Amino acid sequence: MTDLPLVAPDGLRTRNKLEKLRRIKETAQNLFVAKGFDDTTMREIAVIAGVGLGTIFLYAKNKRDLLFLTINEPLEIVIQKAEDAVDPKATLIGNLLSVARLHYRFFGQQPALARLALREMIFYESGAQAAPFQKTRDRLIRLFGHVIELAIANQEIAPKEQSLFAGWTVFCIFQVELRRWLANDVTDLKTGLGELERALALLIAGFGTYAEKSAQKAQRK
């Protein structure tokens, strides 16, 4: 009677596949940061990762795809944590900052790579990794909309627009402030969230009107 193999063939193939994918992701991240996205080639990544160029094309159609291959999965984990962090009893600004804080921490871990991802995500509509990224982005927009719905239910705000559109507006401010924060290599979380809170507070309060300002002056007299 022959001894059974310690690892079944299918299990071994799966392990080898996962190991190759890990090396591809790690090599791509390292080269994108060290050499720059534009100066790194997919062939170079394949050689250093020890895989065939065809193996990389199984996961990524181009370098942009490869970049998002490295962040899609961890970003999905971040959005799940953000959804869990929302408190129905918290204030609107409190919930918005709770969601933002998790994303700021994630992108702040590797500012150089984050700047590349934020640059390349503009008009990222096609490619092997585009659909997972768009799904996660849409989850974040819907989450902002959900936070606004909670604030409406708590009678904290009464927006004239639908909550999903309001969530999209919050997302627009969020991503611009995130990019501005990541523009420098020194990413102080407190400072970044403080600037975001300032912008969101203005959105929530509105610009006000001249009549309101005049009324406030009259009350102070």
N, C-alpha and C. Protein backbone atom coordinates (compact mmCIF):
# COMPACT_ATOMS: atom_id res chain seq x y z
N MET A 1 0.84 -1.20 0.00
CA MET A 1 0.00 0.00 0.00
C MET A 1 0.88 1.26 0.00
N THR A 2 0.69 2.13 -0.97
CA THR A 2 1.51 3.35 -1.07
C THR A 2 0.96 4.43 -0.15
N ASP A 3 1.88 5.27 0.31
CA ASP A 3 1.46 6.39 1.17
C ASP A 3 0.72 7.43 0.35
N LEU A 4 -0.31 8.02 0.93
CA LEU A 4 -1.05 9.10 0.27
C LEU A 4 -0.22 10.38 0.32
N PRO A 5 -0.29 11.21 -0.72
CA PRO A 5 0.45 12.48 -0.70
C PRO A 5 -0.06 13.37 0.41
N LEU A 6 0.84 14.14 1.01
CA LEU A 6 0.45 15.03 2.11
C LEU A 6 -0.48 16.13 1.64
N VAL A 7 -0.31 16.59 0.38
CA VAL A 7 -1.15 17.65 -0.18
C VAL A 7 -1.78 17.15 -1.47
N ALA A 8 -3.10 17.23 -1.57
CA ALA A 8 -3.79 16.80 -2.79
C ALA A 8 -3.35 17.68 -3.95
N PRO A 9 -3.31 17.12 -5.17
CA PRO A 9 -2.87 17.92 -6.33
C PRO A 9 -3.63 19.22 -6.49
N ASP A 10 -4.96 19.17 -6.32
CA ASP A 10 -5.75 20.40 -6.46
C ASP A 10 -5.38 21.43 -5.40
N GLY A 11 -5.14 20.94 -4.17
CA GLY A 11 -4.75 21.83 -3.09
C GLY A 11 -3.39 22.46 -3.33
N LEU A 12 -2.47 21.67 -3.89
CA LEU A 12 -1.14 22.18 -4.20
C LEU A 12 -1.20 23.23 -5.30
N ARG A 13 -2.02 22.99 -6.32
CA ARG A 13 -2.17 23.97 -7.40
C ARG A 13 -2.75 25.27 -6.89
N THR A 14 -3.72 25.15 -5.98
CA THR A 14 -4.33 26.35 -5.40
C THR A 14 -3.30 27.14 -4.61
N ARG A 15 -2.48 26.43 -3.82
CA ARG A 15 -1.46 27.11 -3.03
C ARG A 15 -0.44 27.80 -3.93
N ASN A 16 -0.04 27.12 -4.99
CA ASN A 16 0.93 27.71 -5.91
C ASN A 16 0.35 28.95 -6.60
N LYS A 17 -0.93 28.86 -6.94
CA LYS A 17 -1.60 29.98 -7.60
C LYS A 17 -1.66 31.19 -6.67
N LEU A 18 -2.02 30.95 -5.40
CA LEU A 18 -2.11 32.03 -4.43
C LEU A 18 -0.73 32.64 -4.15
N GLU A 19 0.29 31.79 -4.12
CA GLU A 19 1.64 32.28 -3.87
C GLU A 19 2.12 33.16 -5.03
N LYS A 20 1.82 32.75 -6.25
CA LYS A 20 2.19 33.57 -7.42
C LYS A 20 1.47 34.91 -7.38
N LEU A 21 0.19 34.87 -7.01
CA LEU A 21 -0.58 36.11 -6.94
C LEU A 21 -0.02 37.03 -5.87
N ARG A 22 0.37 36.45 -4.75
CA ARG A 22 0.97 37.26 -3.67
C ARG A 22 2.25 37.93 -4.15
N ARG A 23 3.10 37.19 -4.85
CA ARG A 23 4.36 37.74 -5.34
C ARG A 23 4.11 38.84 -6.38
N ILE A 24 3.11 38.64 -7.22
CA ILE A 24 2.78 39.65 -8.24
C ILE A 24 2.36 40.95 -7.56
N LYS A 25 1.47 40.86 -6.58
CA LYS A 25 0.98 42.04 -5.87
C LYS A 25 2.12 42.76 -5.15
N GLU A 26 2.91 42.00 -4.44
CA GLU A 26 4.00 42.58 -3.65
C GLU A 26 5.03 43.25 -4.55
N THR A 27 5.40 42.57 -5.63
CA THR A 27 6.39 43.13 -6.56
C THR A 27 5.86 44.39 -7.23
N ALA A 28 4.62 44.36 -7.65
CA ALA A 28 4.02 45.53 -8.30
C ALA A 28 4.01 46.73 -7.37
N GLN A 29 3.57 46.53 -6.13
CA GLN A 29 3.56 47.61 -5.15
C GLN A 29 4.95 48.20 -4.95
N ASN A 30 5.94 47.32 -4.76
CA ASN A 30 7.31 47.79 -4.49
C ASN A 30 7.87 48.59 -5.67
N LEU A 31 7.65 48.10 -6.88
CA LEU A 31 8.19 48.78 -8.05
C LEU A 31 7.46 50.08 -8.34
N PHE A 32 6.15 50.09 -8.17
CA PHE A 32 5.38 51.31 -8.40
C PHE A 32 5.86 52.43 -7.48
N VAL A 33 6.17 52.07 -6.23
CA VAL A 33 6.63 53.08 -5.27
C VAL A 33 8.08 53.47 -5.53
N ALA A 34 8.94 52.48 -5.81
CA ALA A 34 10.37 52.73 -5.96
C ALA A 34 10.71 53.41 -7.28
N LYS A 35 10.11 52.94 -8.38
CA LYS A 35 10.46 53.47 -9.70
C LYS A 35 9.44 54.44 -10.26
N GLY A 36 8.23 54.37 -9.71
CA GLY A 36 7.15 55.18 -10.27
C GLY A 36 6.28 54.33 -11.18
N PHE A 37 5.02 54.66 -11.22
CA PHE A 37 4.06 53.89 -12.00
C PHE A 37 4.40 53.91 -13.48
N ASP A 38 4.71 55.08 -14.01
CA ASP A 38 4.94 55.23 -15.44
C ASP A 38 6.21 54.51 -15.91
N ASP A 39 7.23 54.40 -15.06
CA ASP A 39 8.51 53.81 -15.45
C ASP A 39 8.59 52.31 -15.20
N THR A 40 7.59 51.76 -14.57
CA THR A 40 7.57 50.32 -14.31
C THR A 40 6.86 49.60 -15.44
N THR A 41 7.41 48.47 -15.87
CA THR A 41 6.78 47.69 -16.93
C THR A 41 6.22 46.39 -16.36
N MET A 42 5.24 45.85 -17.02
CA MET A 42 4.65 44.60 -16.58
C MET A 42 5.64 43.45 -16.75
N ARG A 43 6.46 43.52 -17.79
CA ARG A 43 7.48 42.49 -17.98
C ARG A 43 8.47 42.48 -16.81
N GLU A 44 8.84 43.67 -16.35
CA GLU A 44 9.76 43.78 -15.22
C GLU A 44 9.14 43.17 -13.96
N ILE A 45 7.86 43.43 -13.76
CA ILE A 45 7.16 42.87 -12.61
C ILE A 45 7.15 41.34 -12.69
N ALA A 46 6.90 40.82 -13.89
CA ALA A 46 6.86 39.37 -14.08
C ALA A 46 8.21 38.73 -13.75
N VAL A 47 9.29 39.35 -14.22
CA VAL A 47 10.63 38.80 -14.01
C VAL A 47 10.97 38.77 -12.52
N ILE A 48 10.74 39.88 -11.83
CA ILE A 48 11.09 39.96 -10.41
C ILE A 48 10.18 39.07 -9.56
N ALA A 49 8.92 38.95 -9.95
CA ALA A 49 7.98 38.10 -9.22
C ALA A 49 8.21 36.62 -9.51
N GLY A 50 8.97 36.33 -10.57
CA GLY A 50 9.25 34.94 -10.92
C GLY A 50 8.08 34.23 -11.56
N VAL A 51 7.32 34.95 -12.36
CA VAL A 51 6.17 34.35 -13.05
C VAL A 51 6.24 34.75 -14.52
N GLY A 52 5.49 34.03 -15.34
CA GLY A 52 5.42 34.38 -16.74
C GLY A 52 4.55 35.60 -16.97
N LEU A 53 4.85 36.34 -18.03
CA LEU A 53 4.05 37.53 -18.34
C LEU A 53 2.60 37.15 -18.56
N GLY A 54 2.38 35.98 -19.15
CA GLY A 54 1.01 35.52 -19.37
C GLY A 54 0.24 35.31 -18.08
N THR A 55 0.95 34.93 -17.02
CA THR A 55 0.30 34.74 -15.71
C THR A 55 -0.25 36.06 -15.20
N ILE A 56 0.52 37.14 -15.38
CA ILE A 56 0.05 38.45 -14.93
C ILE A 56 -1.20 38.85 -15.70
N PHE A 57 -1.23 38.57 -16.99
CA PHE A 57 -2.37 38.96 -17.81
C PHE A 57 -3.64 38.20 -17.44
N LEU A 58 -3.50 37.12 -16.67
CA LEU A 58 -4.69 36.42 -16.18
C LEU A 58 -5.45 37.29 -15.18
N TYR A 59 -4.71 38.17 -14.50
CA TYR A 59 -5.30 39.00 -13.45
C TYR A 59 -5.45 40.46 -13.84
N ALA A 60 -4.60 40.92 -14.74
CA ALA A 60 -4.59 42.35 -15.06
C ALA A 60 -4.35 42.56 -16.54
N LYS A 61 -5.21 43.36 -17.15
CA LYS A 61 -5.08 43.66 -18.58
C LYS A 61 -3.94 44.62 -18.86
N ASN A 62 -3.67 45.52 -17.90
CA ASN A 62 -2.63 46.53 -18.06
C ASN A 62 -2.13 46.95 -16.68
N LYS A 63 -1.24 47.94 -16.65
CA LYS A 63 -0.66 48.37 -15.38
C LYS A 63 -1.70 48.96 -14.44
N ARG A 64 -2.65 49.66 -14.98
CA ARG A 64 -3.70 50.24 -14.13
C ARG A 64 -4.47 49.13 -13.44
N ASP A 65 -4.80 48.10 -14.20
CA ASP A 65 -5.46 46.93 -13.62
C ASP A 65 -4.61 46.33 -12.51
N LEU A 66 -3.31 46.24 -12.77
CA LEU A 66 -2.39 45.64 -11.81
C LEU A 66 -2.32 46.46 -10.54
N LEU A 67 -2.35 47.78 -10.68
CA LEU A 67 -2.35 48.66 -9.52
C LEU A 67 -3.57 48.40 -8.65
N PHE A 68 -4.73 48.27 -9.28
CA PHE A 68 -5.95 48.06 -8.50
C PHE A 68 -6.08 46.63 -8.00
N LEU A 69 -5.37 45.71 -8.63
CA LEU A 69 -5.30 44.35 -8.10
C LEU A 69 -4.69 44.35 -6.71
N THR A 70 -3.77 45.29 -6.47
CA THR A 70 -3.09 45.34 -5.18
C THR A 70 -3.93 46.00 -4.09
N ILE A 71 -4.93 46.79 -4.45
CA ILE A 71 -5.68 47.52 -3.42
C ILE A 71 -7.15 47.15 -3.33
N ASN A 72 -7.70 46.48 -4.34
CA ASN A 72 -9.14 46.20 -4.33
C ASN A 72 -9.57 45.39 -3.11
N GLU A 73 -8.85 44.34 -2.82
CA GLU A 73 -9.25 43.47 -1.70
C GLU A 73 -9.14 44.17 -0.35
N PRO A 74 -8.00 44.81 -0.03
CA PRO A 74 -7.94 45.53 1.25
C PRO A 74 -8.93 46.68 1.34
N LEU A 75 -9.21 47.34 0.21
CA LEU A 75 -10.17 48.44 0.22
C LEU A 75 -11.58 47.93 0.50
N GLU A 76 -11.88 46.74 0.03
CA GLU A 76 -13.19 46.13 0.31
C GLU A 76 -13.33 45.84 1.80
N ILE A 77 -12.24 45.44 2.43
CA ILE A 77 -12.25 45.20 3.88
C ILE A 77 -12.49 46.50 4.63
N VAL A 78 -11.89 47.58 4.15
CA VAL A 78 -12.05 48.89 4.78
C VAL A 78 -13.51 49.34 4.73
N ILE A 79 -14.16 49.18 3.58
CA ILE A 79 -15.55 49.63 3.46
C ILE A 79 -16.47 48.79 4.34
N GLN A 80 -16.14 47.50 4.52
CA GLN A 80 -16.94 46.66 5.42
C GLN A 80 -16.80 47.16 6.86
N LYS A 81 -15.58 47.50 7.26
CA LYS A 81 -15.37 48.04 8.61
C LYS A 81 -16.08 49.38 8.77
N ALA A 82 -16.09 50.18 7.70
CA ALA A 82 -16.76 51.48 7.75
C ALA A 82 -18.27 51.31 7.93
N GLU A 83 -18.83 50.35 7.23
CA GLU A 83 -20.27 50.07 7.38
C GLU A 83 -20.60 49.65 8.81
N ASP A 84 -19.72 48.85 9.39
CA ASP A 84 -19.94 48.38 10.77
C ASP A 84 -19.74 49.50 11.79
N ALA A 85 -18.97 50.53 11.42
CA ALA A 85 -18.66 51.61 12.36
C ALA A 85 -19.77 52.63 12.50
N VAL A 86 -20.71 52.64 11.56
CA VAL A 86 -21.79 53.62 11.60
C VAL A 86 -22.72 53.34 12.79
N ASP A 87 -22.98 54.38 13.56
CA ASP A 87 -23.82 54.29 14.75
C ASP A 87 -25.13 55.05 14.51
N PRO A 88 -26.27 54.35 14.53
CA PRO A 88 -27.55 55.03 14.26
C PRO A 88 -27.85 56.19 15.20
N LYS A 89 -27.22 56.19 16.37
CA LYS A 89 -27.49 57.24 17.35
C LYS A 89 -26.47 58.37 17.30
N ALA A 90 -25.42 58.21 16.50
CA ALA A 90 -24.37 59.24 16.44
C ALA A 90 -24.83 60.42 15.60
N THR A 91 -24.11 61.54 15.73
CA THR A 91 -24.42 62.71 14.92
C THR A 91 -24.00 62.47 13.47
N LEU A 92 -24.50 63.29 12.59
CA LEU A 92 -24.15 63.17 11.18
C LEU A 92 -22.65 63.34 10.98
N ILE A 93 -22.07 64.39 11.52
CA ILE A 93 -20.65 64.64 11.34
C ILE A 93 -19.82 63.54 11.99
N GLY A 94 -20.31 63.00 13.11
CA GLY A 94 -19.60 61.92 13.80
C GLY A 94 -19.53 60.67 12.95
N ASN A 95 -20.64 60.29 12.34
CA ASN A 95 -20.66 59.11 11.48
C ASN A 95 -19.84 59.30 10.22
N LEU A 96 -19.93 60.48 9.63
CA LEU A 96 -19.16 60.76 8.41
C LEU A 96 -17.66 60.66 8.69
N LEU A 97 -17.24 61.17 9.81
CA LEU A 97 -15.82 61.14 10.15
C LEU A 97 -15.37 59.72 10.54
N SER A 98 -16.26 58.94 11.10
CA SER A 98 -15.93 57.54 11.42
C SER A 98 -15.64 56.76 10.14
N VAL A 99 -16.45 56.99 9.12
CA VAL A 99 -16.24 56.34 7.83
C VAL A 99 -14.95 56.84 7.19
N ALA A 100 -14.77 58.14 7.22
CA ALA A 100 -13.59 58.74 6.60
C ALA A 100 -12.30 58.32 7.29
N ARG A 101 -12.34 58.24 8.62
CA ARG A 101 -11.13 57.93 9.38
C ARG A 101 -10.52 56.59 8.95
N LEU A 102 -11.35 55.59 8.73
CA LEU A 102 -10.86 54.27 8.32
C LEU A 102 -10.19 54.34 6.95
N HIS A 103 -10.75 55.13 6.05
CA HIS A 103 -10.16 55.27 4.71
C HIS A 103 -8.88 56.09 4.77
N TYR A 104 -8.85 57.13 5.57
CA TYR A 104 -7.64 57.94 5.71
C TYR A 104 -6.50 57.08 6.25
N ARG A 105 -6.80 56.25 7.24
CA ARG A 105 -5.77 55.38 7.81
C ARG A 105 -5.25 54.39 6.77
N PHE A 106 -6.15 53.84 5.98
CA PHE A 106 -5.75 52.88 4.96
C PHE A 106 -4.84 53.52 3.92
N PHE A 107 -5.28 54.63 3.34
CA PHE A 107 -4.49 55.28 2.30
C PHE A 107 -3.22 55.92 2.88
N GLY A 108 -3.27 56.31 4.14
CA GLY A 108 -2.11 56.95 4.76
C GLY A 108 -0.97 55.99 5.05
N GLN A 109 -1.22 54.68 5.01
CA GLN A 109 -0.17 53.70 5.27
C GLN A 109 0.91 53.75 4.20
N GLN A 110 0.52 53.96 2.96
CA GLN A 110 1.47 54.06 1.85
C GLN A 110 1.06 55.24 0.97
N PRO A 111 1.42 56.45 1.38
CA PRO A 111 0.98 57.65 0.65
C PRO A 111 1.35 57.64 -0.82
N ALA A 112 2.56 57.19 -1.16
CA ALA A 112 3.00 57.20 -2.56
C ALA A 112 2.12 56.29 -3.41
N LEU A 113 1.85 55.10 -2.91
CA LEU A 113 0.99 54.16 -3.64
C LEU A 113 -0.44 54.69 -3.70
N ALA A 114 -0.90 55.30 -2.61
CA ALA A 114 -2.25 55.84 -2.56
C ALA A 114 -2.43 56.96 -3.59
N ARG A 115 -1.41 57.81 -3.74
CA ARG A 115 -1.50 58.89 -4.72
C ARG A 115 -1.61 58.32 -6.14
N LEU A 116 -0.88 57.25 -6.40
CA LEU A 116 -0.98 56.59 -7.71
C LEU A 116 -2.39 56.07 -7.95
N ALA A 117 -2.93 55.39 -6.94
CA ALA A 117 -4.26 54.80 -7.08
C ALA A 117 -5.31 55.88 -7.29
N LEU A 118 -5.23 56.97 -6.54
CA LEU A 118 -6.21 58.05 -6.66
C LEU A 118 -6.08 58.74 -8.01
N ARG A 119 -4.86 58.80 -8.54
CA ARG A 119 -4.67 59.39 -9.86
C ARG A 119 -5.27 58.50 -10.95
N GLU A 120 -5.02 57.21 -10.85
CA GLU A 120 -5.42 56.29 -11.90
C GLU A 120 -6.90 55.91 -11.83
N MET A 121 -7.56 56.17 -10.70
CA MET A 121 -8.97 55.76 -10.59
C MET A 121 -9.90 56.69 -11.38
N ILE A 122 -9.39 57.84 -11.82
CA ILE A 122 -10.21 58.76 -12.61
C ILE A 122 -10.53 58.10 -13.95
N PHE A 123 -11.80 58.02 -14.26
CA PHE A 123 -12.28 57.41 -15.52
C PHE A 123 -11.90 55.93 -15.63
N TYR A 124 -11.71 55.27 -14.48
CA TYR A 124 -11.38 53.84 -14.51
C TYR A 124 -12.67 53.05 -14.68
N GLU A 125 -13.02 52.77 -15.93
CA GLU A 125 -14.30 52.15 -16.23
C GLU A 125 -14.18 50.75 -16.84
N SER A 126 -13.00 50.39 -17.36
CA SER A 126 -12.84 49.10 -18.01
C SER A 126 -11.55 48.43 -17.55
N GLY A 127 -11.54 47.10 -17.61
CA GLY A 127 -10.38 46.36 -17.16
C GLY A 127 -10.80 45.27 -16.20
N ALA A 128 -9.92 44.30 -16.00
CA ALA A 128 -10.26 43.14 -15.16
C ALA A 128 -10.59 43.52 -13.73
N GLN A 129 -9.96 44.59 -13.22
CA GLN A 129 -10.16 45.00 -11.82
C GLN A 129 -11.10 46.18 -11.67
N ALA A 130 -11.66 46.66 -12.78
CA ALA A 130 -12.52 47.85 -12.73
C ALA A 130 -13.83 47.58 -11.99
N ALA A 131 -14.45 46.45 -12.29
CA ALA A 131 -15.76 46.14 -11.67
C ALA A 131 -15.67 46.04 -10.15
N PRO A 132 -14.69 45.31 -9.60
CA PRO A 132 -14.58 45.26 -8.13
C PRO A 132 -14.35 46.64 -7.51
N PHE A 133 -13.53 47.46 -8.17
CA PHE A 133 -13.27 48.79 -7.64
C PHE A 133 -14.54 49.64 -7.66
N GLN A 134 -15.25 49.62 -8.77
CA GLN A 134 -16.48 50.41 -8.89
C GLN A 134 -17.52 49.96 -7.87
N LYS A 135 -17.57 48.66 -7.61
CA LYS A 135 -18.52 48.14 -6.62
C LYS A 135 -18.21 48.70 -5.24
N THR A 136 -16.93 48.71 -4.88
CA THR A 136 -16.53 49.23 -3.57
C THR A 136 -16.78 50.74 -3.48
N ARG A 137 -16.48 51.46 -4.56
CA ARG A 137 -16.72 52.90 -4.59
C ARG A 137 -18.22 53.20 -4.41
N ASP A 138 -19.07 52.43 -5.11
CA ASP A 138 -20.51 52.63 -5.00
C ASP A 138 -21.01 52.31 -3.59
N ARG A 139 -20.39 51.32 -2.95
CA ARG A 139 -20.76 51.00 -1.57
C ARG A 139 -20.47 52.18 -0.65
N LEU A 140 -19.36 52.86 -0.90
CA LEU A 140 -19.01 54.02 -0.07
C LEU A 140 -19.99 55.16 -0.29
N ILE A 141 -20.38 55.40 -1.53
CA ILE A 141 -21.35 56.46 -1.82
C ILE A 141 -22.69 56.14 -1.16
N ARG A 142 -23.12 54.88 -1.28
CA ARG A 142 -24.39 54.48 -0.64
C ARG A 142 -24.29 54.58 0.88
N LEU A 143 -23.09 54.29 1.42
CA LEU A 143 -22.91 54.38 2.87
C LEU A 143 -23.06 55.83 3.33
N PHE A 144 -22.47 56.76 2.59
CA PHE A 144 -22.65 58.17 2.92
C PHE A 144 -24.13 58.54 2.85
N GLY A 145 -24.83 58.01 1.84
CA GLY A 145 -26.27 58.27 1.72
C GLY A 145 -27.03 57.70 2.90
N HIS A 146 -26.63 56.51 3.35
CA HIS A 146 -27.28 55.88 4.50
C HIS A 146 -27.07 56.71 5.76
N VAL A 147 -25.86 57.23 5.94
CA VAL A 147 -25.57 58.08 7.10
C VAL A 147 -26.47 59.31 7.09
N ILE A 148 -26.69 59.87 5.93
CA ILE A 148 -27.57 61.03 5.81
C ILE A 148 -29.01 60.66 6.13
N GLU A 149 -29.43 59.47 5.70
CA GLU A 149 -30.79 59.01 6.02
C GLU A 149 -30.97 58.87 7.53
N LEU A 150 -29.94 58.40 8.21
CA LEU A 150 -30.00 58.28 9.68
C LEU A 150 -30.16 59.66 10.31
N ALA A 151 -29.42 60.63 9.78
CA ALA A 151 -29.51 61.99 10.32
C ALA A 151 -30.88 62.59 10.08
N ILE A 152 -31.49 62.25 8.94
CA ILE A 152 -32.85 62.72 8.66
C ILE A 152 -33.83 62.10 9.64
N ALA A 153 -33.67 60.79 9.87
CA ALA A 153 -34.54 60.07 10.81
C ALA A 153 -34.41 60.63 12.23
N ASN A 154 -33.20 61.09 12.56
CA ASN A 154 -32.96 61.67 13.89
C ASN A 154 -33.34 63.15 13.96
N GLN A 155 -33.91 63.66 12.86
CA GLN A 155 -34.34 65.06 12.76
C GLN A 155 -33.18 66.04 12.97
N GLU A 156 -32.01 65.63 12.53
CA GLU A 156 -30.84 66.50 12.62
C GLU A 156 -30.74 67.42 11.41
N ILE A 157 -31.15 66.93 10.24
CA ILE A 157 -31.10 67.70 9.01
C ILE A 157 -32.38 67.46 8.21
N ALA A 158 -32.62 68.33 7.25
CA ALA A 158 -33.77 68.18 6.36
C ALA A 158 -33.37 68.63 4.97
N PRO A 159 -32.53 67.86 4.28
CA PRO A 159 -32.05 68.27 2.96
C PRO A 159 -33.16 68.29 1.92
N LYS A 160 -33.02 69.17 0.94
CA LYS A 160 -34.01 69.26 -0.12
C LYS A 160 -33.77 68.20 -1.20
N GLU A 161 -32.55 67.66 -1.27
CA GLU A 161 -32.21 66.66 -2.26
C GLU A 161 -32.35 65.25 -1.67
N GLN A 162 -32.41 64.25 -2.56
CA GLN A 162 -32.48 62.87 -2.11
C GLN A 162 -31.19 62.48 -1.40
N SER A 163 -31.30 61.53 -0.49
CA SER A 163 -30.15 61.16 0.34
C SER A 163 -29.01 60.59 -0.49
N LEU A 164 -29.29 59.85 -1.55
CA LEU A 164 -28.23 59.27 -2.36
C LEU A 164 -27.43 60.36 -3.06
N PHE A 165 -28.12 61.40 -3.56
CA PHE A 165 -27.41 62.51 -4.19
C PHE A 165 -26.60 63.27 -3.14
N ALA A 166 -27.16 63.43 -1.96
CA ALA A 166 -26.43 64.08 -0.88
C ALA A 166 -25.19 63.25 -0.52
N GLY A 167 -25.33 61.92 -0.53
CA GLY A 167 -24.20 61.05 -0.27
C GLY A 167 -23.12 61.20 -1.32
N TRP A 168 -23.54 61.35 -2.58
CA TRP A 168 -22.59 61.57 -3.66
C TRP A 168 -21.84 62.88 -3.46
N THR A 169 -22.53 63.92 -3.00
CA THR A 169 -21.90 65.21 -2.75
C THR A 169 -20.86 65.10 -1.64
N VAL A 170 -21.21 64.38 -0.58
CA VAL A 170 -20.26 64.14 0.50
C VAL A 170 -19.04 63.39 -0.03
N PHE A 171 -19.28 62.38 -0.88
CA PHE A 171 -18.18 61.61 -1.46
C PHE A 171 -17.24 62.50 -2.27
N CYS A 172 -17.80 63.44 -3.01
CA CYS A 172 -16.98 64.36 -3.81
C CYS A 172 -16.05 65.18 -2.92
N ILE A 173 -16.60 65.70 -1.82
CA ILE A 173 -15.78 66.46 -0.88
C ILE A 173 -14.74 65.56 -0.24
N PHE A 174 -15.16 64.37 0.14
CA PHE A 174 -14.27 63.41 0.79
C PHE A 174 -13.06 63.09 -0.07
N GLN A 175 -13.28 62.78 -1.34
CA GLN A 175 -12.15 62.37 -2.17
C GLN A 175 -11.21 63.53 -2.49
N VAL A 176 -11.75 64.73 -2.63
CA VAL A 176 -10.89 65.89 -2.87
C VAL A 176 -10.02 66.18 -1.64
N GLU A 177 -10.63 66.14 -0.46
CA GLU A 177 -9.88 66.38 0.77
C GLU A 177 -8.86 65.27 1.01
N LEU A 178 -9.20 64.04 0.66
CA LEU A 178 -8.26 62.93 0.80
C LEU A 178 -7.05 63.12 -0.10
N ARG A 179 -7.29 63.54 -1.33
CA ARG A 179 -6.18 63.80 -2.26
C ARG A 179 -5.31 64.95 -1.74
N ARG A 180 -5.95 65.98 -1.22
CA ARG A 180 -5.18 67.13 -0.71
C ARG A 180 -4.31 66.72 0.48
N TRP A 181 -4.86 65.87 1.33
CA TRP A 181 -4.13 65.39 2.50
C TRP A 181 -2.93 64.53 2.09
N LEU A 182 -3.12 63.72 1.06
CA LEU A 182 -2.06 62.81 0.61
C LEU A 182 -1.03 63.49 -0.28
N ALA A 183 -1.24 64.77 -0.58
CA ALA A 183 -0.30 65.48 -1.45
C ALA A 183 1.08 65.57 -0.82
N ASN A 184 1.15 65.49 0.50
CA ASN A 184 2.43 65.51 1.20
C ASN A 184 2.72 64.14 1.80
N ASP A 185 4.01 63.80 1.90
CA ASP A 185 4.39 62.51 2.46
C ASP A 185 4.12 62.44 3.96
N VAL A 186 4.12 63.60 4.63
CA VAL A 186 3.82 63.64 6.06
C VAL A 186 2.31 63.75 6.20
N THR A 187 1.68 62.64 6.51
CA THR A 187 0.21 62.59 6.56
C THR A 187 -0.24 62.49 8.02
N ASP A 188 -0.50 63.63 8.63
CA ASP A 188 -0.99 63.66 10.00
C ASP A 188 -2.50 63.45 9.98
N LEU A 189 -2.95 62.37 10.60
CA LEU A 189 -4.36 61.99 10.54
C LEU A 189 -5.26 63.06 11.15
N LYS A 190 -4.86 63.60 12.28
CA LYS A 190 -5.69 64.60 12.95
C LYS A 190 -5.88 65.83 12.08
N THR A 191 -4.81 66.27 11.43
CA THR A 191 -4.89 67.44 10.56
C THR A 191 -5.79 67.17 9.36
N GLY A 192 -5.61 66.01 8.74
CA GLY A 192 -6.41 65.66 7.57
C GLY A 192 -7.89 65.59 7.88
N LEU A 193 -8.23 64.93 8.98
CA LEU A 193 -9.64 64.80 9.35
C LEU A 193 -10.21 66.14 9.80
N GLY A 194 -9.36 66.99 10.36
CA GLY A 194 -9.82 68.31 10.77
C GLY A 194 -10.24 69.15 9.57
N GLU A 195 -9.44 69.08 8.49
CA GLU A 195 -9.79 69.82 7.28
C GLU A 195 -11.05 69.25 6.63
N LEU A 196 -11.18 67.94 6.66
CA LEU A 196 -12.39 67.30 6.11
C LEU A 196 -13.61 67.72 6.92
N GLU A 197 -13.48 67.72 8.23
CA GLU A 197 -14.60 68.11 9.10
C GLU A 197 -15.02 69.54 8.82
N ARG A 198 -14.06 70.40 8.58
CA ARG A 198 -14.36 71.80 8.28
C ARG A 198 -15.19 71.91 6.99
N ALA A 199 -14.78 71.15 5.97
CA ALA A 199 -15.51 71.19 4.69
C ALA A 199 -16.90 70.59 4.83
N LEU A 200 -17.01 69.49 5.57
CA LEU A 200 -18.31 68.85 5.75
C LEU A 200 -19.24 69.72 6.59
N ALA A 201 -18.69 70.41 7.58
CA ALA A 201 -19.51 71.29 8.41
C ALA A 201 -20.11 72.41 7.57
N LEU A 202 -19.33 72.92 6.63
CA LEU A 202 -19.84 73.95 5.73
C LEU A 202 -20.97 73.41 4.86
N LEU A 203 -20.79 72.18 4.36
CA LEU A 203 -21.82 71.56 3.54
C LEU A 203 -23.10 71.37 4.34
N ILE A 204 -22.97 70.88 5.55
CA ILE A 204 -24.15 70.61 6.38
C ILE A 204 -24.88 71.90 6.75
N ALA A 205 -24.10 72.93 7.10
CA ALA A 205 -24.72 74.20 7.51
C ALA A 205 -25.24 74.99 6.32
N GLY A 206 -24.63 74.79 5.16
CA GLY A 206 -25.00 75.59 4.00
C GLY A 206 -24.27 76.92 4.02
N PHE A 207 -24.29 77.62 2.92
CA PHE A 207 -23.61 78.91 2.85
C PHE A 207 -24.39 80.00 3.58
N GLY A 208 -25.67 79.77 3.80
CA GLY A 208 -26.48 80.81 4.40
C GLY A 208 -26.87 81.84 3.35
N THR A 209 -27.70 82.80 3.73
CA THR A 209 -28.14 83.85 2.81
C THR A 209 -27.81 85.21 3.39
N TYR A 210 -27.85 86.19 2.54
CA TYR A 210 -27.58 87.56 2.99
C TYR A 210 -28.63 87.98 4.02
N ALA A 211 -29.87 87.56 3.78
CA ALA A 211 -30.95 87.93 4.72
C ALA A 211 -30.70 87.35 6.10
N GLU A 212 -30.22 86.10 6.15
CA GLU A 212 -29.92 85.47 7.43
C GLU A 212 -28.79 86.20 8.15
N LYS A 213 -27.78 86.59 7.38
CA LYS A 213 -26.65 87.30 7.96
C LYS A 213 -27.11 88.65 8.51
N SER A 214 -27.98 89.33 7.78
CA SER A 214 -28.49 90.63 8.23
C SER A 214 -29.32 90.47 9.50
N ALA A 215 -30.10 89.39 9.56
CA ALA A 215 -30.92 89.14 10.75
C ALA A 215 -30.05 88.88 11.96
N GLN A 216 -28.93 88.13 11.75
CA GLN A 216 -28.03 87.87 12.86
C GLN A 216 -27.38 89.16 13.37
N LYS A 217 -27.05 90.06 12.46
CA LYS A 217 -26.46 91.35 12.86
C LYS A 217 -27.46 92.16 13.65
N ALA A 218 -28.72 92.11 13.20
CA ALA A 218 -29.76 92.89 13.88
C ALA A 218 -29.99 92.38 15.30
N GLN A 219 -29.88 91.06 15.48
CA GLN A 219 -30.07 90.48 16.81
C GLN A 219 -28.96 90.87 17.77
N ARG A 220 -27.76 91.08 17.21
CA ARG A 220 -26.62 91.42 18.08
C ARG A 220 -26.66 92.90 18.53
N LYS A 221 -27.47 93.73 17.85
CA LYS A 221 -27.53 95.15 18.21
C LYS A 221 -28.39 95.36 19.44
